[in-house]
Amino acid sequence: PNEAPLWKRMAYRRVMHHTVTHARALIAVSRFVAGEIRETYGQRAFLKVTVIHDGVDPRFSRRSPSEQEDVLRKYDIRPPFFLYVGNAKEHKNVPMLIHAFQNLRSSERTLVLVTSGREADGLTMGENIRRLSHVAEDDFPALYSAAETLVTASRYEGFCLPIAEARACGCPVIALNIGVMPEVVGEGGILVDFTGEALTRGLQSPPPSFCGLQRRLWEKVAEETAQCLLTARS
């Protein structure tokens, strides 16, 4: 719920309950979300669920050193650096990430936060922390490829698309070992306990980069979604 007022949370719950109850079929973006539906709305709703993971755009792949250098020069970023991509709403837990990085006390590495919005404007930035309010879509593959790791302290995600994009570019991931993270990170990174100290230890020994894991393209997602809709209609 983050900072949503009580009346808005109640309205969300009513709309969601009506949707889940009356829908012929439900699509969940992860097994974790499917489990949440079962826990909240029961087995009858769960039996209507099809899990269809998000995809990534074909442009997300490991980029050459020269492409990486061009993008880093464009945004004035010096490696090595950790990368965060996303908003700064309460559940994203960005202050914990900043605190964990500061406890690293590293003068060599930089934490680059690609984030914007009201919550991002209120973040307290420290030494060796950069914030980019805007990155061109076509620059993300090279940015992921150049990063030492993609790191997130998010407390809740349904899927977390930046992780899938980073994995496709060969960028390892550090995330908290909660919720959907084991499902989406897989062999593409490491999971740490839900404490600032554990996150700092993960930053001290980041996993190595790789060639890029197999991408799940949006065309495949579209095919599975269409099939789900046709089945529900029949």
Protein backbone atom coordinates (compact mmCIF):
# COMPACT_ATOMS: atom_id res chain seq x y z
CA PRO A 1 0.00 0.00 0.00
CA ASN A 2 2.96 2.36 0.47
CA GLU A 3 1.57 5.80 1.33
CA ALA A 4 -1.92 5.21 -0.09
CA PRO A 5 -4.70 6.43 2.24
CA LEU A 6 -7.07 3.93 3.83
CA TRP A 7 -9.98 4.77 1.51
CA LYS A 8 -7.85 4.08 -1.55
CA ARG A 9 -6.60 0.77 -0.16
CA MET A 10 -10.16 -0.30 0.57
CA ALA A 11 -11.21 0.66 -2.97
CA TYR A 12 -8.30 -1.33 -4.43
CA ARG A 13 -9.31 -4.39 -2.39
CA ARG A 14 -12.94 -4.18 -3.53
CA VAL A 15 -12.00 -3.82 -7.21
CA MET A 16 -9.45 -6.63 -6.99
CA HIS A 17 -11.86 -8.98 -5.20
CA HIS A 18 -14.57 -8.32 -7.80
CA THR A 19 -12.11 -8.91 -10.65
CA VAL A 20 -10.68 -12.14 -9.26
CA THR A 21 -14.13 -13.49 -8.42
CA HIS A 22 -15.78 -12.78 -11.76
CA ALA A 23 -12.93 -13.27 -14.26
CA ARG A 24 -13.00 -16.42 -16.38
CA ALA A 25 -9.21 -16.59 -16.29
CA LEU A 26 -6.39 -14.85 -14.48
CA ILE A 27 -2.84 -14.24 -15.70
CA ALA A 28 -0.07 -13.94 -13.12
CA VAL A 29 3.38 -12.67 -14.09
CA SER A 30 5.12 -15.11 -11.71
CA ARG A 31 4.55 -18.23 -9.63
CA PHE A 32 4.97 -15.97 -6.61
CA VAL A 33 1.99 -13.82 -7.65
CA ALA A 34 -0.04 -16.96 -8.35
CA GLY A 35 0.70 -18.10 -4.80
CA GLU A 36 -0.40 -14.74 -3.44
CA ILE A 37 -3.70 -15.07 -5.30
CA ARG A 38 -4.26 -18.50 -3.77
CA GLU A 39 -3.37 -17.25 -0.28
CA THR A 40 -5.62 -14.19 -0.54
CA TYR A 41 -8.58 -15.44 -2.60
CA GLY A 42 -8.50 -19.20 -2.17
CA GLN A 43 -8.10 -22.32 -4.27
CA ARG A 44 -11.08 -21.57 -6.52
CA ALA A 45 -9.42 -18.38 -7.77
CA PHE A 46 -6.04 -20.09 -8.01
CA LEU A 47 -7.44 -22.72 -10.39
CA LYS A 48 -8.16 -19.91 -12.89
CA VAL A 49 -4.53 -18.70 -12.88
CA THR A 50 -2.06 -19.11 -15.74
CA VAL A 51 1.51 -18.02 -15.04
CA ILE A 52 3.05 -16.08 -17.93
CA HIS A 53 6.39 -14.47 -17.14
CA ASP A 54 7.22 -11.06 -18.57
CA GLY A 55 9.52 -10.86 -21.59
CA VAL A 56 12.32 -8.55 -22.68
CA ASP A 57 12.88 -6.61 -25.88
CA PRO A 58 15.26 -8.21 -28.42
CA ARG A 59 17.66 -5.28 -28.06
CA PHE A 60 18.68 -6.48 -24.58
CA SER A 61 21.89 -8.42 -25.14
CA ARG A 62 25.55 -8.19 -24.12
CA ARG A 63 27.08 -5.12 -25.81
CA SER A 64 30.65 -4.62 -27.00
CA PRO A 65 33.23 -2.71 -24.95
CA SER A 66 33.13 0.17 -27.43
CA GLU A 67 29.34 0.51 -27.11
CA GLN A 68 29.67 0.42 -23.33
CA GLU A 69 32.33 3.14 -23.40
CA ASP A 70 30.17 5.39 -25.59
CA VAL A 71 27.20 5.18 -23.22
CA LEU A 72 29.35 5.65 -20.10
CA ARG A 73 30.92 8.73 -21.68
CA LYS A 74 27.46 10.07 -22.57
CA TYR A 75 26.32 9.92 -18.92
CA ASP A 76 29.73 10.67 -17.40
CA ILE A 77 29.94 7.34 -15.53
CA ARG A 78 33.23 5.79 -14.53
CA PRO A 79 33.44 2.05 -13.86
CA PRO A 80 33.27 0.08 -11.71
CA PHE A 81 29.74 0.89 -10.65
CA PHE A 82 26.62 -0.72 -9.21
CA LEU A 83 23.36 0.00 -11.01
CA TYR A 84 19.80 0.42 -9.74
CA VAL A 85 16.89 0.86 -12.17
CA GLY A 86 13.36 1.68 -11.00
CA ASN A 87 11.26 4.16 -9.10
CA ALA A 88 11.88 5.09 -5.47
CA LYS A 89 8.51 4.29 -3.97
CA GLU A 90 8.46 2.98 -0.42
CA HIS A 91 8.47 -0.74 -1.28
CA LYS A 92 11.55 -0.30 -3.49
CA ASN A 93 13.54 0.32 -0.30
CA VAL A 94 16.10 2.56 -2.00
CA PRO A 95 17.26 4.22 1.28
CA MET A 96 18.37 0.78 2.52
CA LEU A 97 20.34 0.29 -0.70
CA ILE A 98 22.02 3.68 -0.30
CA HIS A 99 22.86 2.92 3.34
CA ALA A 100 24.29 -0.50 2.45
CA PHE A 101 26.47 1.07 -0.24
CA GLN A 102 27.70 3.78 2.13
CA ASN A 103 28.68 1.09 4.65
CA LEU A 104 30.84 -0.44 1.94
CA ARG A 105 33.12 2.59 2.33
CA SER A 106 34.56 2.11 -1.14
CA SER A 107 36.25 5.00 -2.89
CA GLU A 108 36.59 3.00 -6.11
CA ARG A 109 32.98 2.09 -6.87
CA THR A 110 29.98 4.28 -7.65
CA LEU A 111 26.28 3.58 -7.09
CA VAL A 112 24.26 4.78 -10.08
CA LEU A 113 20.53 5.20 -9.44
CA VAL A 114 18.35 5.47 -12.54
CA THR A 115 15.21 6.81 -10.88
CA SER A 116 12.85 9.77 -10.97
CA GLY A 117 9.65 11.07 -9.42
CA ARG A 118 8.64 12.69 -6.16
CA GLU A 119 10.08 9.93 -3.99
CA ALA A 120 13.40 10.03 -5.85
CA ASP A 121 13.61 13.80 -5.34
CA GLY A 122 13.48 13.20 -1.58
CA LEU A 123 16.38 10.73 -1.46
CA THR A 124 19.43 11.68 0.58
CA MET A 125 22.42 11.13 -1.67
CA GLY A 126 25.90 10.43 -0.36
CA GLU A 127 29.46 10.30 -1.64
CA ASN A 128 30.05 8.31 -4.85
CA ILE A 129 26.29 8.08 -5.53
CA ARG A 130 24.95 9.30 -8.87
CA ARG A 131 21.32 9.77 -9.80
CA LEU A 132 20.19 9.76 -13.43
CA SER A 133 16.65 11.00 -13.88
CA HIS A 134 16.49 9.89 -17.50
CA VAL A 135 18.28 7.30 -19.62
CA ALA A 136 17.35 6.77 -23.28
CA GLU A 137 15.75 3.37 -23.88
CA ASP A 138 18.37 2.40 -26.46
CA ASP A 139 21.17 3.07 -23.95
CA PHE A 140 20.01 0.59 -21.33
CA PRO A 141 21.57 -2.55 -22.89
CA ALA A 142 25.05 -0.98 -22.87
CA LEU A 143 24.47 0.44 -19.38
CA TYR A 144 23.49 -3.00 -18.04
CA SER A 145 26.47 -4.56 -19.83
CA ALA A 146 28.90 -2.08 -18.30
CA ALA A 147 27.59 -2.33 -14.73
CA GLU A 148 29.37 -4.53 -12.23
CA THR A 149 25.97 -5.67 -10.94
CA LEU A 150 22.35 -4.64 -10.96
CA VAL A 151 21.39 -4.28 -7.30
CA THR A 152 18.01 -3.88 -5.63
CA ALA A 153 16.76 -3.87 -2.05
CA SER A 154 13.10 -4.03 -3.10
CA ARG A 155 10.80 -5.60 -0.51
CA TYR A 156 8.07 -6.54 -2.99
CA GLU A 157 7.86 -7.22 -6.72
CA GLY A 158 5.45 -9.09 -8.91
CA PHE A 159 8.23 -9.82 -11.41
CA CYS A 160 10.91 -7.06 -11.59
CA LEU A 161 11.56 -6.46 -15.28
CA PRO A 162 14.99 -4.75 -14.83
CA ILE A 163 16.34 -8.06 -13.49
CA ALA A 164 15.26 -9.89 -16.65
CA GLU A 165 16.78 -7.13 -18.81
CA ALA A 166 20.05 -7.18 -16.86
CA ARG A 167 20.33 -10.99 -17.08
CA ALA A 168 19.85 -10.83 -20.86
CA CYS A 169 22.79 -8.38 -21.03
CA GLY A 170 25.08 -10.54 -18.88
CA CYS A 171 24.82 -8.24 -15.87
CA PRO A 172 24.65 -10.22 -12.60
CA VAL A 173 22.10 -9.30 -9.95
CA ILE A 174 22.20 -8.79 -6.18
CA ALA A 175 18.76 -8.87 -4.54
CA LEU A 176 17.07 -9.69 -1.26
CA ASN A 177 16.10 -13.32 -0.78
CA ILE A 178 12.37 -12.64 -0.47
CA GLY A 179 9.19 -12.85 -2.54
CA VAL A 180 9.64 -13.34 -6.27
CA MET A 181 13.40 -12.75 -6.28
CA PRO A 182 14.54 -16.42 -6.22
CA GLU A 183 12.23 -17.06 -9.19
CA VAL A 184 13.47 -14.20 -11.39
CA VAL A 185 17.15 -14.01 -10.38
CA GLY A 186 17.83 -17.73 -10.76
CA GLU A 187 21.43 -18.42 -11.77
CA GLY A 188 21.94 -14.80 -12.79
CA GLY A 189 23.14 -13.48 -9.45
CA ILE A 190 23.08 -13.85 -5.69
CA LEU A 191 20.39 -13.44 -3.04
CA VAL A 192 21.12 -12.01 0.39
CA ASP A 193 19.25 -11.87 3.69
CA PHE A 194 16.87 -9.01 4.34
CA THR A 195 19.34 -6.86 6.30
CA GLY A 196 21.52 -3.91 5.40
CA GLU A 197 24.58 -5.78 6.66
CA ALA A 198 23.91 -8.75 4.36
CA LEU A 199 23.42 -6.42 1.41
CA THR A 200 26.72 -4.69 2.16
CA ARG A 201 28.47 -8.08 2.26
CA GLY A 202 26.94 -8.89 -1.12
CA LEU A 203 28.30 -5.64 -2.55
CA GLN A 204 31.74 -6.49 -1.19
CA SER A 205 31.86 -9.70 -3.25
CA PRO A 206 29.73 -9.14 -6.37
CA PRO A 207 29.14 -12.08 -8.72
CA PRO A 208 31.02 -12.17 -12.05
CA SER A 209 29.49 -11.04 -15.34
CA PHE A 210 28.56 -13.58 -18.01
CA CYS A 211 27.66 -13.76 -21.69
CA GLY A 212 23.95 -13.20 -21.12
CA LEU A 213 21.19 -15.65 -20.30
CA GLN A 214 18.54 -16.78 -22.74
CA ARG A 215 15.94 -14.09 -23.30
CA ARG A 216 12.21 -14.63 -23.10
CA LEU A 217 10.88 -12.38 -25.86
CA TRP A 218 7.58 -10.50 -25.77
CA GLU A 219 6.37 -12.36 -28.86
CA LYS A 220 6.33 -15.58 -26.80
CA VAL A 221 4.46 -13.77 -24.01
CA ALA A 222 1.90 -12.56 -26.57
CA GLU A 223 1.37 -16.08 -27.92
CA GLU A 224 0.80 -17.52 -24.45
CA THR A 225 -1.53 -14.65 -23.53
CA ALA A 226 -3.57 -15.07 -26.70
CA GLN A 227 -3.89 -18.80 -26.03
CA CYS A 228 -5.05 -18.12 -22.47
CA LEU A 229 -7.69 -15.67 -23.69
CA LEU A 230 -8.94 -18.07 -26.37
CA THR A 231 -9.22 -20.89 -23.86
CA ALA A 232 -11.14 -18.67 -21.44
CA ARG A 233 -13.50 -17.58 -24.19
CA SER A 234 -14.40 -21.11 -25.27
